[in-house]
Structures are given as structure tokens and as C-alpha cells.
Amino acid sequence: MTTGPKLAVPPGRAGRLWLERRLKVARRGADLLDRKLRILQAELDQRKQAAEQTQQEWERCCADAERLLLRAALLGGQRAIRLAADTGAADVRISYLTTMGVRHPASGTCTIPEPAAWAGFAMAQARQAYRTALEAAVAHSAAAAALRMIAAETAVTRYRLRAVRDRWIPRLEQARAEVIFALDELERADSARLSRAAGVVGPHRRI
């Protein structure tokens, strides 16, 4: 059973044509939305996998960096850590793609300037590990953002498809059925009037 305000359908056969045109457009729209949803769903599955993989890589790199930093701190002390941290800000750049009208991050790169002072081999290892961890964090951030955007568009597309397929099209079909029924009733009534008129006029012609 469909709900919603009654459609403002033109009277008579014009209303039937009006409804048939809109039904054709609605069914075409449902087909396009269904195709878009299938493409987005496939893309969403890939983005989920990418986000999971980049998260695992990020967590692994962070654990390695923390382990190496602890070893470097034990060997060189706090001064070595301060020297290793004497560097500029990282430069992060994000590239974008568009999938079914959704602009989302595709990948991220991170450029980190070299430190001004040498702080020893252990600290150099820790510093490189943190550089790798930062690059992994940027990659995961891009993957997670893409996942959120694709997931949001997938949900919106699914809602629109249900609205068209489960509500709008049935309303149009019901309205068309009512119009066809009314036209059939009108034709039967006209036929009945013509038959009665023929039955009345016929005997007078024989007199």
C-alpha cells in the first residue's frame, strides 16, 4: 500500500499519458541508481580493505618507532632526542579521484625535511622509523577519509533507490491503475448510453 499526498494527475487520457511518461522516467532512474549502487558497493569493499591494511601498517610502524626510540633514549639520553627533533614541519599532499560523482582522497604523500644535527646511529634509526610511521599515518588517513566518503554516498544512493523503487514507482502505478479503471468505467458508461439511445431511436425509425 502506498502513502503520501494524492498525485495531481491531469484528467482523462492525458492523465494516463502523464503517468506513463513519469513511470518510464522513474524506472529509468531506478535502473541508474541500482547500477550506481552496485559500483559504489564494489568500491566500498575495496576501500574497507585498503583502510584495514593501512591501519595495520600504521600500527606496526608506530610500534617499531616507539621501540627504536626507547632504545635510542637509553643509549643517547634526552639530548639526543632533542637534537633529532630539531627539524621543520612535514609537508603532506593528498591526491584525489572521483568515483560516481564522489570526490575522495586517492593517496597521500609526506615530505619531511632532514634534521640539522646528527644524533647518533640509534637515534637516526628511530628518526627514520618515525618518518615511516608518519608516511603510514598519512596513507591511512587518506584511505579512511575515502572510506567515509564512499560509505556516505553508498548510503544516500541506497536510500534514493528505495524511495524511487518502493514508494514513488508504486504510487505512479497505483495512480495509473486508477486512471485506467476510471477510463474503462467511462467507456462502459458511454457504450451503455449509446445502446439505450439506439434502442429508443430504432423503433421510431420503423414507424
N, C-alpha and C. Protein backbone atom coordinates (compact mmCIF):
# COMPACT_ATOMS: atom_id res chain seq x y z
N MET A 1 0.85 -1.20 0.00
CA MET A 1 0.00 0.00 0.00
C MET A 1 0.88 1.24 0.00
N THR A 2 0.58 2.20 -0.87
CA THR A 2 1.39 3.41 -0.97
C THR A 2 0.80 4.51 -0.11
N THR A 3 1.65 5.41 0.33
CA THR A 3 1.24 6.54 1.16
C THR A 3 1.75 7.82 0.54
N GLY A 4 1.23 8.94 1.05
CA GLY A 4 1.69 10.22 0.55
C GLY A 4 0.53 11.00 -0.04
N PRO A 5 0.76 12.27 -0.33
CA PRO A 5 -0.31 13.09 -0.91
C PRO A 5 -0.72 12.58 -2.28
N LYS A 6 -1.99 12.82 -2.59
CA LYS A 6 -2.52 12.36 -3.87
C LYS A 6 -1.85 13.12 -5.01
N LEU A 7 -1.51 12.38 -6.07
CA LEU A 7 -0.85 12.99 -7.22
C LEU A 7 -1.81 13.89 -7.98
N ALA A 8 -1.30 15.00 -8.44
CA ALA A 8 -2.10 15.93 -9.25
C ALA A 8 -2.07 15.47 -10.70
N VAL A 9 -2.90 14.48 -11.00
CA VAL A 9 -2.91 13.86 -12.32
C VAL A 9 -3.89 14.60 -13.23
N PRO A 10 -3.50 14.95 -14.45
CA PRO A 10 -4.44 15.57 -15.39
C PRO A 10 -5.62 14.63 -15.65
N PRO A 11 -6.77 15.17 -15.96
CA PRO A 11 -7.95 14.31 -16.17
C PRO A 11 -7.89 13.57 -17.50
N GLY A 12 -8.62 12.46 -17.54
CA GLY A 12 -8.80 11.73 -18.78
C GLY A 12 -7.56 11.01 -19.29
N ARG A 13 -7.53 10.83 -20.61
CA ARG A 13 -6.42 10.12 -21.23
C ARG A 13 -5.11 10.88 -21.11
N ALA A 14 -5.18 12.18 -20.99
CA ALA A 14 -3.96 12.96 -20.78
C ALA A 14 -3.28 12.55 -19.48
N GLY A 15 -4.10 12.23 -18.48
CA GLY A 15 -3.54 11.78 -17.22
C GLY A 15 -2.83 10.44 -17.35
N ARG A 16 -3.40 9.56 -18.16
CA ARG A 16 -2.76 8.27 -18.38
C ARG A 16 -1.40 8.45 -19.05
N LEU A 17 -1.33 9.30 -20.08
CA LEU A 17 -0.05 9.55 -20.74
C LEU A 17 0.94 10.22 -19.79
N TRP A 18 0.43 11.14 -18.98
CA TRP A 18 1.28 11.84 -18.00
C TRP A 18 1.91 10.85 -17.04
N LEU A 19 1.12 9.90 -16.56
CA LEU A 19 1.62 8.90 -15.62
C LEU A 19 2.58 7.92 -16.29
N GLU A 20 2.28 7.54 -17.51
CA GLU A 20 3.16 6.59 -18.20
C GLU A 20 4.52 7.20 -18.47
N ARG A 21 4.55 8.48 -18.81
CA ARG A 21 5.85 9.15 -19.01
C ARG A 21 6.65 9.19 -17.71
N ARG A 22 6.00 9.51 -16.62
CA ARG A 22 6.70 9.57 -15.34
C ARG A 22 7.11 8.20 -14.84
N LEU A 23 6.33 7.21 -15.14
CA LEU A 23 6.72 5.85 -14.79
C LEU A 23 7.97 5.43 -15.55
N LYS A 24 8.02 5.79 -16.83
CA LYS A 24 9.19 5.47 -17.63
C LYS A 24 10.44 6.14 -17.07
N VAL A 25 10.31 7.42 -16.72
CA VAL A 25 11.44 8.15 -16.14
C VAL A 25 11.84 7.55 -14.80
N ALA A 26 10.87 7.21 -13.97
CA ALA A 26 11.16 6.65 -12.64
C ALA A 26 11.86 5.31 -12.75
N ARG A 27 11.40 4.46 -13.66
CA ARG A 27 12.04 3.15 -13.82
C ARG A 27 13.46 3.29 -14.36
N ARG A 28 13.63 4.24 -15.28
CA ARG A 28 14.98 4.50 -15.79
C ARG A 28 15.88 5.01 -14.66
N GLY A 29 15.34 5.91 -13.84
CA GLY A 29 16.11 6.41 -12.70
C GLY A 29 16.46 5.31 -11.72
N ALA A 30 15.53 4.40 -11.48
CA ALA A 30 15.81 3.29 -10.57
C ALA A 30 16.91 2.39 -11.13
N ASP A 31 16.90 2.17 -12.43
CA ASP A 31 17.95 1.35 -13.05
C ASP A 31 19.32 2.02 -12.89
N LEU A 32 19.37 3.34 -13.11
CA LEU A 32 20.64 4.05 -12.98
C LEU A 32 21.12 4.05 -11.54
N LEU A 33 20.20 4.25 -10.60
CA LEU A 33 20.58 4.23 -9.18
C LEU A 33 21.05 2.85 -8.76
N ASP A 34 20.41 1.82 -9.29
CA ASP A 34 20.83 0.46 -8.97
C ASP A 34 22.24 0.18 -9.50
N ARG A 35 22.51 0.65 -10.70
CA ARG A 35 23.86 0.48 -11.27
C ARG A 35 24.88 1.26 -10.45
N LYS A 36 24.55 2.49 -10.09
CA LYS A 36 25.46 3.29 -9.28
C LYS A 36 25.72 2.63 -7.94
N LEU A 37 24.68 2.08 -7.34
CA LEU A 37 24.82 1.44 -6.03
C LEU A 37 25.74 0.23 -6.12
N ARG A 38 25.61 -0.57 -7.18
CA ARG A 38 26.48 -1.74 -7.32
C ARG A 38 27.94 -1.32 -7.50
N ILE A 39 28.18 -0.27 -8.27
CA ILE A 39 29.54 0.21 -8.45
C ILE A 39 30.11 0.76 -7.14
N LEU A 40 29.29 1.53 -6.44
CA LEU A 40 29.74 2.09 -5.15
C LEU A 40 29.99 0.99 -4.13
N GLN A 41 29.16 -0.03 -4.13
CA GLN A 41 29.34 -1.12 -3.18
C GLN A 41 30.66 -1.85 -3.43
N ALA A 42 30.98 -2.08 -4.69
CA ALA A 42 32.26 -2.71 -5.02
C ALA A 42 33.43 -1.81 -4.60
N GLU A 43 33.29 -0.51 -4.86
CA GLU A 43 34.32 0.44 -4.45
C GLU A 43 34.43 0.50 -2.93
N LEU A 44 33.31 0.42 -2.25
CA LEU A 44 33.31 0.45 -0.79
C LEU A 44 34.05 -0.75 -0.22
N ASP A 45 33.84 -1.92 -0.79
CA ASP A 45 34.55 -3.10 -0.33
C ASP A 45 36.07 -2.93 -0.48
N GLN A 46 36.48 -2.36 -1.60
CA GLN A 46 37.91 -2.12 -1.81
C GLN A 46 38.45 -1.10 -0.81
N ARG A 47 37.68 -0.06 -0.55
CA ARG A 47 38.12 0.97 0.39
C ARG A 47 38.20 0.43 1.81
N LYS A 48 37.29 -0.44 2.17
CA LYS A 48 37.36 -1.07 3.50
C LYS A 48 38.64 -1.87 3.65
N GLN A 49 38.96 -2.64 2.62
CA GLN A 49 40.18 -3.44 2.65
C GLN A 49 41.41 -2.55 2.72
N ALA A 50 41.42 -1.47 1.94
CA ALA A 50 42.56 -0.56 1.95
C ALA A 50 42.71 0.11 3.31
N ALA A 51 41.59 0.53 3.91
CA ALA A 51 41.65 1.17 5.23
C ALA A 51 42.17 0.20 6.29
N GLU A 52 41.74 -1.04 6.23
CA GLU A 52 42.21 -2.04 7.20
C GLU A 52 43.71 -2.30 7.03
N GLN A 53 44.14 -2.43 5.79
CA GLN A 53 45.56 -2.69 5.54
C GLN A 53 46.44 -1.52 5.97
N THR A 54 46.02 -0.29 5.64
CA THR A 54 46.83 0.87 6.02
C THR A 54 46.83 1.08 7.53
N GLN A 55 45.73 0.74 8.18
CA GLN A 55 45.71 0.85 9.63
C GLN A 55 46.68 -0.14 10.28
N GLN A 56 46.68 -1.35 9.77
CA GLN A 56 47.61 -2.35 10.30
C GLN A 56 49.05 -1.93 10.07
N GLU A 57 49.34 -1.38 8.90
CA GLU A 57 50.69 -0.91 8.61
C GLU A 57 51.07 0.26 9.52
N TRP A 58 50.16 1.16 9.72
CA TRP A 58 50.42 2.30 10.60
C TRP A 58 50.71 1.85 12.03
N GLU A 59 49.89 0.94 12.53
CA GLU A 59 50.09 0.45 13.89
C GLU A 59 51.43 -0.28 14.01
N ARG A 60 51.79 -1.04 12.99
CA ARG A 60 53.08 -1.75 13.02
C ARG A 60 54.24 -0.76 13.02
N CYS A 61 54.16 0.26 12.17
CA CYS A 61 55.23 1.26 12.10
C CYS A 61 55.35 2.04 13.41
N CYS A 62 54.21 2.36 14.02
CA CYS A 62 54.25 3.08 15.30
C CYS A 62 54.92 2.24 16.38
N ALA A 63 54.60 0.96 16.41
CA ALA A 63 55.21 0.08 17.40
C ALA A 63 56.72 -0.01 17.18
N ASP A 64 57.15 -0.13 15.92
CA ASP A 64 58.59 -0.18 15.62
C ASP A 64 59.27 1.13 16.03
N ALA A 65 58.62 2.26 15.72
CA ALA A 65 59.21 3.56 16.03
C ALA A 65 59.35 3.75 17.55
N GLU A 66 58.33 3.37 18.30
CA GLU A 66 58.40 3.51 19.75
C GLU A 66 59.49 2.62 20.34
N ARG A 67 59.64 1.43 19.81
CA ARG A 67 60.69 0.53 20.30
C ARG A 67 62.08 1.09 20.02
N LEU A 68 62.28 1.62 18.81
CA LEU A 68 63.59 2.18 18.45
C LEU A 68 63.87 3.47 19.21
N LEU A 69 62.83 4.26 19.46
CA LEU A 69 63.03 5.49 20.23
C LEU A 69 63.44 5.17 21.67
N LEU A 70 62.80 4.19 22.24
CA LEU A 70 63.17 3.79 23.60
C LEU A 70 64.62 3.34 23.66
N ARG A 71 65.05 2.56 22.69
CA ARG A 71 66.44 2.11 22.67
C ARG A 71 67.39 3.29 22.49
N ALA A 72 67.05 4.22 21.59
CA ALA A 72 67.91 5.39 21.36
C ALA A 72 67.97 6.28 22.60
N ALA A 73 66.85 6.41 23.33
CA ALA A 73 66.85 7.22 24.54
C ALA A 73 67.71 6.60 25.61
N LEU A 74 67.69 5.29 25.70
CA LEU A 74 68.53 4.62 26.70
C LEU A 74 70.02 4.79 26.36
N LEU A 75 70.32 4.85 25.05
CA LEU A 75 71.72 4.97 24.64
C LEU A 75 72.20 6.42 24.63
N GLY A 76 71.37 7.34 24.18
CA GLY A 76 71.83 8.71 23.99
C GLY A 76 71.25 9.73 24.93
N GLY A 77 70.18 9.39 25.65
CA GLY A 77 69.59 10.33 26.58
C GLY A 77 68.66 11.33 25.91
N GLN A 78 68.14 12.25 26.71
CA GLN A 78 67.18 13.24 26.23
C GLN A 78 67.79 14.22 25.24
N ARG A 79 69.08 14.50 25.39
CA ARG A 79 69.72 15.44 24.48
C ARG A 79 69.68 14.93 23.05
N ALA A 80 69.92 13.65 22.87
CA ALA A 80 69.87 13.06 21.53
C ALA A 80 68.48 13.17 20.93
N ILE A 81 67.46 13.02 21.77
CA ILE A 81 66.09 13.14 21.29
C ILE A 81 65.81 14.57 20.83
N ARG A 82 66.28 15.57 21.63
CA ARG A 82 66.07 16.97 21.25
C ARG A 82 66.77 17.30 19.94
N LEU A 83 67.97 16.80 19.75
CA LEU A 83 68.70 17.07 18.52
C LEU A 83 67.99 16.44 17.32
N ALA A 84 67.49 15.23 17.52
CA ALA A 84 66.80 14.54 16.42
C ALA A 84 65.49 15.23 16.06
N ALA A 85 64.87 15.89 17.05
CA ALA A 85 63.59 16.56 16.81
C ALA A 85 63.74 17.95 16.24
N ASP A 86 64.95 18.43 16.11
CA ASP A 86 65.18 19.78 15.60
C ASP A 86 65.03 19.79 14.08
N THR A 87 63.79 19.83 13.63
CA THR A 87 63.52 19.76 12.20
C THR A 87 62.29 20.58 11.87
N GLY A 88 62.05 20.84 10.62
CA GLY A 88 60.89 21.63 10.20
C GLY A 88 59.63 20.78 10.13
N ALA A 89 58.55 21.45 9.73
CA ALA A 89 57.26 20.77 9.63
C ALA A 89 57.21 19.87 8.39
N ALA A 90 56.45 18.81 8.50
CA ALA A 90 56.26 17.90 7.37
C ALA A 90 55.29 18.51 6.37
N ASP A 91 55.48 18.20 5.11
CA ASP A 91 54.61 18.67 4.03
C ASP A 91 53.78 17.49 3.53
N VAL A 92 52.47 17.56 3.74
CA VAL A 92 51.56 16.48 3.36
C VAL A 92 50.75 16.91 2.15
N ARG A 93 50.71 16.07 1.16
CA ARG A 93 49.93 16.34 -0.05
C ARG A 93 48.99 15.16 -0.31
N ILE A 94 47.75 15.50 -0.62
CA ILE A 94 46.73 14.49 -0.88
C ILE A 94 46.27 14.60 -2.33
N SER A 95 46.26 13.49 -3.04
CA SER A 95 45.71 13.45 -4.40
C SER A 95 44.29 12.89 -4.34
N TYR A 96 43.47 13.32 -5.29
CA TYR A 96 42.04 12.97 -5.25
C TYR A 96 41.62 12.26 -6.54
N LEU A 97 40.57 11.46 -6.39
CA LEU A 97 39.89 10.82 -7.50
C LEU A 97 38.39 11.08 -7.38
N THR A 98 37.68 10.86 -8.46
CA THR A 98 36.22 10.97 -8.45
C THR A 98 35.62 9.64 -8.88
N THR A 99 34.80 9.07 -8.02
CA THR A 99 34.13 7.81 -8.29
C THR A 99 32.62 8.02 -8.24
N MET A 100 31.94 7.86 -9.37
CA MET A 100 30.49 8.03 -9.46
C MET A 100 30.05 9.36 -8.84
N GLY A 101 30.79 10.42 -9.16
CA GLY A 101 30.44 11.75 -8.68
C GLY A 101 30.95 12.08 -7.29
N VAL A 102 31.66 11.17 -6.66
CA VAL A 102 32.18 11.40 -5.31
C VAL A 102 33.68 11.69 -5.40
N ARG A 103 34.07 12.89 -5.00
CA ARG A 103 35.49 13.25 -4.97
C ARG A 103 36.06 12.80 -3.62
N HIS A 104 37.09 11.98 -3.66
CA HIS A 104 37.63 11.41 -2.43
C HIS A 104 39.14 11.28 -2.54
N PRO A 105 39.86 11.21 -1.41
CA PRO A 105 41.31 11.03 -1.46
C PRO A 105 41.68 9.71 -2.12
N ALA A 106 42.72 9.77 -2.93
CA ALA A 106 43.23 8.55 -3.57
C ALA A 106 44.50 8.07 -2.88
N SER A 107 45.37 9.01 -2.52
CA SER A 107 46.62 8.66 -1.86
C SER A 107 47.18 9.91 -1.19
N GLY A 108 48.17 9.69 -0.34
CA GLY A 108 48.80 10.81 0.35
C GLY A 108 50.30 10.64 0.38
N THR A 109 51.02 11.72 0.23
CA THR A 109 52.48 11.69 0.32
C THR A 109 52.92 12.65 1.42
N CYS A 110 54.05 12.33 2.00
CA CYS A 110 54.56 13.12 3.12
C CYS A 110 56.05 13.39 2.91
N THR A 111 56.44 14.65 2.92
CA THR A 111 57.83 15.05 2.78
C THR A 111 58.30 15.67 4.09
N ILE A 112 59.38 15.11 4.65
CA ILE A 112 59.89 15.57 5.94
C ILE A 112 61.31 16.09 5.75
N PRO A 113 61.61 17.31 6.15
CA PRO A 113 62.97 17.84 5.99
C PRO A 113 63.97 17.09 6.86
N GLU A 114 65.21 17.06 6.41
CA GLU A 114 66.26 16.39 7.16
C GLU A 114 66.63 17.22 8.40
N PRO A 115 66.99 16.55 9.49
CA PRO A 115 67.38 17.28 10.71
C PRO A 115 68.70 18.01 10.51
N ALA A 116 68.89 19.04 11.34
CA ALA A 116 70.08 19.87 11.20
C ALA A 116 71.31 19.23 11.84
N ALA A 117 71.12 18.33 12.78
CA ALA A 117 72.26 17.76 13.52
C ALA A 117 72.21 16.25 13.52
N TRP A 118 73.38 15.63 13.59
CA TRP A 118 73.49 14.18 13.68
C TRP A 118 73.44 13.78 15.15
N ALA A 119 72.59 12.82 15.46
CA ALA A 119 72.38 12.45 16.87
C ALA A 119 72.78 11.01 17.16
N GLY A 120 73.51 10.39 16.28
CA GLY A 120 73.94 9.02 16.53
C GLY A 120 73.14 8.01 15.73
N PHE A 121 73.71 6.82 15.62
CA PHE A 121 73.12 5.78 14.77
C PHE A 121 71.78 5.31 15.31
N ALA A 122 71.69 5.08 16.62
CA ALA A 122 70.44 4.59 17.19
C ALA A 122 69.32 5.60 17.01
N MET A 123 69.62 6.87 17.24
CA MET A 123 68.60 7.90 17.08
C MET A 123 68.24 8.08 15.60
N ALA A 124 69.21 7.92 14.71
CA ALA A 124 68.91 8.01 13.29
C ALA A 124 67.94 6.91 12.87
N GLN A 125 68.13 5.71 13.44
CA GLN A 125 67.20 4.62 13.16
C GLN A 125 65.79 4.95 13.66
N ALA A 126 65.72 5.49 14.88
CA ALA A 126 64.42 5.84 15.45
C ALA A 126 63.75 6.94 14.62
N ARG A 127 64.56 7.92 14.22
CA ARG A 127 64.03 9.01 13.42
C ARG A 127 63.46 8.51 12.10
N GLN A 128 64.17 7.61 11.45
CA GLN A 128 63.70 7.04 10.19
C GLN A 128 62.43 6.22 10.41
N ALA A 129 62.37 5.53 11.54
CA ALA A 129 61.17 4.74 11.85
C ALA A 129 59.96 5.65 12.03
N TYR A 130 60.16 6.80 12.66
CA TYR A 130 59.05 7.73 12.83
C TYR A 130 58.65 8.39 11.50
N ARG A 131 59.61 8.61 10.64
CA ARG A 131 59.28 9.11 9.31
C ARG A 131 58.39 8.11 8.58
N THR A 132 58.79 6.84 8.68
CA THR A 132 57.99 5.79 8.04
C THR A 132 56.60 5.70 8.66
N ALA A 133 56.53 5.87 10.00
CA ALA A 133 55.23 5.82 10.68
C ALA A 133 54.35 6.99 10.26
N LEU A 134 54.96 8.17 10.08
CA LEU A 134 54.18 9.33 9.64
C LEU A 134 53.65 9.12 8.22
N GLU A 135 54.47 8.57 7.35
CA GLU A 135 54.02 8.28 5.99
C GLU A 135 52.86 7.27 6.02
N ALA A 136 52.97 6.27 6.90
CA ALA A 136 51.89 5.29 7.03
C ALA A 136 50.63 5.94 7.58
N ALA A 137 50.79 6.91 8.50
CA ALA A 137 49.63 7.61 9.05
C ALA A 137 48.92 8.42 7.98
N VAL A 138 49.70 9.07 7.11
CA VAL A 138 49.10 9.85 6.02
C VAL A 138 48.35 8.93 5.06
N ALA A 139 48.95 7.80 4.74
CA ALA A 139 48.29 6.85 3.84
C ALA A 139 46.99 6.33 4.45
N HIS A 140 47.02 6.04 5.76
CA HIS A 140 45.80 5.56 6.41
C HIS A 140 44.75 6.65 6.50
N SER A 141 45.16 7.88 6.76
CA SER A 141 44.20 8.99 6.82
C SER A 141 43.48 9.16 5.48
N ALA A 142 44.24 9.07 4.39
CA ALA A 142 43.62 9.18 3.06
C ALA A 142 42.66 8.02 2.81
N ALA A 143 43.08 6.81 3.17
CA ALA A 143 42.23 5.64 2.96
C ALA A 143 40.97 5.71 3.81
N ALA A 144 41.11 6.15 5.08
CA ALA A 144 39.95 6.23 5.96
C ALA A 144 38.98 7.32 5.50
N ALA A 145 39.51 8.46 5.03
CA ALA A 145 38.64 9.52 4.52
C ALA A 145 37.88 9.06 3.28
N ALA A 146 38.57 8.37 2.39
CA ALA A 146 37.90 7.84 1.19
C ALA A 146 36.80 6.85 1.57
N LEU A 147 37.09 6.02 2.56
CA LEU A 147 36.09 5.06 3.02
C LEU A 147 34.85 5.76 3.54
N ARG A 148 35.04 6.81 4.34
CA ARG A 148 33.89 7.54 4.89
C ARG A 148 33.05 8.19 3.78
N MET A 149 33.73 8.77 2.80
CA MET A 149 33.00 9.45 1.73
C MET A 149 32.24 8.46 0.85
N ILE A 150 32.88 7.36 0.50
CA ILE A 150 32.21 6.36 -0.32
C ILE A 150 31.06 5.71 0.45
N ALA A 151 31.27 5.46 1.73
CA ALA A 151 30.21 4.87 2.54
C ALA A 151 29.00 5.81 2.64
N ALA A 152 29.27 7.11 2.80
CA ALA A 152 28.17 8.07 2.88
C ALA A 152 27.39 8.13 1.57
N GLU A 153 28.09 8.16 0.44
CA GLU A 153 27.40 8.20 -0.85
C GLU A 153 26.65 6.90 -1.12
N THR A 154 27.20 5.78 -0.69
CA THR A 154 26.51 4.50 -0.84
C THR A 154 25.20 4.49 -0.07
N ALA A 155 25.23 5.00 1.15
CA ALA A 155 24.01 5.05 1.96
C ALA A 155 22.96 5.96 1.33
N VAL A 156 23.39 7.12 0.83
CA VAL A 156 22.45 8.05 0.20
C VAL A 156 21.85 7.43 -1.06
N THR A 157 22.69 6.78 -1.86
CA THR A 157 22.19 6.15 -3.09
C THR A 157 21.21 5.03 -2.78
N ARG A 158 21.50 4.25 -1.75
CA ARG A 158 20.59 3.17 -1.36
C ARG A 158 19.24 3.74 -0.90
N TYR A 159 19.28 4.83 -0.17
CA TYR A 159 18.04 5.47 0.28
C TYR A 159 17.23 5.98 -0.91
N ARG A 160 17.92 6.64 -1.85
CA ARG A 160 17.22 7.16 -3.02
C ARG A 160 16.60 6.04 -3.85
N LEU A 161 17.34 4.95 -4.01
CA LEU A 161 16.82 3.83 -4.79
C LEU A 161 15.57 3.26 -4.13
N ARG A 162 15.60 3.10 -2.82
CA ARG A 162 14.42 2.59 -2.13
C ARG A 162 13.24 3.55 -2.26
N ALA A 163 13.54 4.85 -2.19
CA ALA A 163 12.46 5.83 -2.31
C ALA A 163 11.80 5.75 -3.68
N VAL A 164 12.61 5.61 -4.73
CA VAL A 164 12.06 5.53 -6.08
C VAL A 164 11.40 4.19 -6.32
N ARG A 165 12.07 3.12 -5.96
CA ARG A 165 11.58 1.77 -6.29
C ARG A 165 10.43 1.33 -5.40
N ASP A 166 10.49 1.67 -4.12
CA ASP A 166 9.49 1.14 -3.18
C ASP A 166 8.36 2.11 -2.87
N ARG A 167 8.53 3.40 -3.21
CA ARG A 167 7.47 4.35 -2.91
C ARG A 167 6.97 5.09 -4.15
N TRP A 168 7.88 5.72 -4.88
CA TRP A 168 7.46 6.55 -6.00
C TRP A 168 6.85 5.73 -7.13
N ILE A 169 7.54 4.69 -7.56
CA ILE A 169 7.01 3.87 -8.66
C ILE A 169 5.67 3.22 -8.28
N PRO A 170 5.53 2.61 -7.07
CA PRO A 170 4.21 2.07 -6.72
C PRO A 170 3.11 3.12 -6.70
N ARG A 171 3.43 4.34 -6.27
CA ARG A 171 2.40 5.39 -6.29
C ARG A 171 1.97 5.70 -7.71
N LEU A 172 2.94 5.79 -8.61
CA LEU A 172 2.60 6.06 -10.01
C LEU A 172 1.80 4.90 -10.60
N GLU A 173 2.19 3.68 -10.30
CA GLU A 173 1.47 2.52 -10.83
C GLU A 173 0.04 2.47 -10.30
N GLN A 174 -0.12 2.78 -9.02
CA GLN A 174 -1.46 2.79 -8.44
C GLN A 174 -2.32 3.88 -9.07
N ALA A 175 -1.73 5.06 -9.25
CA ALA A 175 -2.47 6.15 -9.87
C ALA A 175 -2.85 5.81 -11.31
N ARG A 176 -1.92 5.17 -12.03
CA ARG A 176 -2.23 4.78 -13.41
C ARG A 176 -3.36 3.76 -13.44
N ALA A 177 -3.31 2.80 -12.52
CA ALA A 177 -4.38 1.79 -12.47
C ALA A 177 -5.73 2.44 -12.19
N GLU A 178 -5.74 3.44 -11.32
CA GLU A 178 -6.99 4.14 -11.02
C GLU A 178 -7.49 4.90 -12.23
N VAL A 179 -6.57 5.53 -12.96
CA VAL A 179 -6.97 6.27 -14.16
C VAL A 179 -7.50 5.32 -15.22
N ILE A 180 -6.82 4.20 -15.41
CA ILE A 180 -7.28 3.22 -16.41
C ILE A 180 -8.65 2.67 -16.03
N PHE A 181 -8.84 2.40 -14.74
CA PHE A 181 -10.14 1.91 -14.28
C PHE A 181 -11.23 2.94 -14.53
N ALA A 182 -10.92 4.22 -14.24
CA ALA A 182 -11.90 5.28 -14.45
C ALA A 182 -12.22 5.43 -15.94
N LEU A 183 -11.20 5.33 -16.80
CA LEU A 183 -11.44 5.43 -18.24
C LEU A 183 -12.27 4.26 -18.74
N ASP A 184 -11.99 3.05 -18.23
CA ASP A 184 -12.79 1.88 -18.62
C ASP A 184 -14.24 2.05 -18.19
N GLU A 185 -14.44 2.56 -16.97
CA GLU A 185 -15.81 2.78 -16.50
C GLU A 185 -16.51 3.81 -17.37
N LEU A 186 -15.78 4.85 -17.75
CA LEU A 186 -16.38 5.87 -18.60
C LEU A 186 -16.76 5.32 -19.95
N GLU A 187 -15.88 4.49 -20.53
CA GLU A 187 -16.19 3.88 -21.82
C GLU A 187 -17.40 2.95 -21.73
N ARG A 188 -17.48 2.19 -20.63
CA ARG A 188 -18.64 1.30 -20.47
C ARG A 188 -19.93 2.11 -20.31
N ALA A 189 -19.80 3.21 -19.57
CA ALA A 189 -20.99 4.06 -19.41
C ALA A 189 -21.41 4.67 -20.75
N ASP A 190 -20.43 5.11 -21.53
CA ASP A 190 -20.75 5.67 -22.85
C ASP A 190 -21.38 4.60 -23.75
N SER A 191 -20.84 3.39 -23.70
CA SER A 191 -21.40 2.31 -24.52
C SER A 191 -22.83 2.01 -24.11
N ALA A 192 -23.06 2.02 -22.78
CA ALA A 192 -24.41 1.75 -22.31
C ALA A 192 -25.38 2.84 -22.75
N ARG A 193 -24.96 4.08 -22.71
CA ARG A 193 -25.83 5.18 -23.15
C ARG A 193 -26.12 5.08 -24.64
N LEU A 194 -25.09 4.73 -25.42
CA LEU A 194 -25.29 4.59 -26.86
C LEU A 194 -26.25 3.44 -27.17
N SER A 195 -26.12 2.37 -26.41
CA SER A 195 -27.03 1.22 -26.63
C SER A 195 -28.46 1.60 -26.29
N ARG A 196 -28.64 2.31 -25.17
CA ARG A 196 -30.00 2.72 -24.81
C ARG A 196 -30.57 3.70 -25.84
N ALA A 197 -29.67 4.61 -26.30
CA ALA A 197 -30.13 5.57 -27.30
C ALA A 197 -30.53 4.86 -28.58
N ALA A 198 -29.75 3.86 -28.98
CA ALA A 198 -30.08 3.12 -30.19
C ALA A 198 -31.38 2.36 -30.02
N GLY A 199 -31.62 1.83 -28.81
CA GLY A 199 -32.87 1.11 -28.57
C GLY A 199 -34.08 2.01 -28.59
N VAL A 200 -33.91 3.29 -28.20
CA VAL A 200 -35.03 4.23 -28.22
C VAL A 200 -35.27 4.77 -29.62
N VAL A 201 -34.21 5.12 -30.32
CA VAL A 201 -34.33 5.74 -31.63
C VAL A 201 -34.75 4.71 -32.68
N GLY A 202 -34.36 3.49 -32.54
CA GLY A 202 -34.64 2.48 -33.56
C GLY A 202 -36.10 2.28 -33.83
N PRO A 203 -36.99 2.07 -32.83
CA PRO A 203 -38.45 1.87 -33.11
C PRO A 203 -39.08 3.07 -33.79
N HIS A 204 -38.66 4.30 -33.42
CA HIS A 204 -39.26 5.46 -34.09
C HIS A 204 -38.95 5.45 -35.58
N ARG A 205 -37.78 4.97 -35.93
CA ARG A 205 -37.44 4.93 -37.35
C ARG A 205 -38.30 3.92 -38.11
N ARG A 206 -38.84 2.90 -37.38
CA ARG A 206 -39.66 1.90 -38.07
C ARG A 206 -41.11 2.37 -38.20
N ILE A 207 -41.50 3.39 -37.48
CA ILE A 207 -42.91 3.84 -37.56
C ILE A 207 -43.15 4.58 -38.87
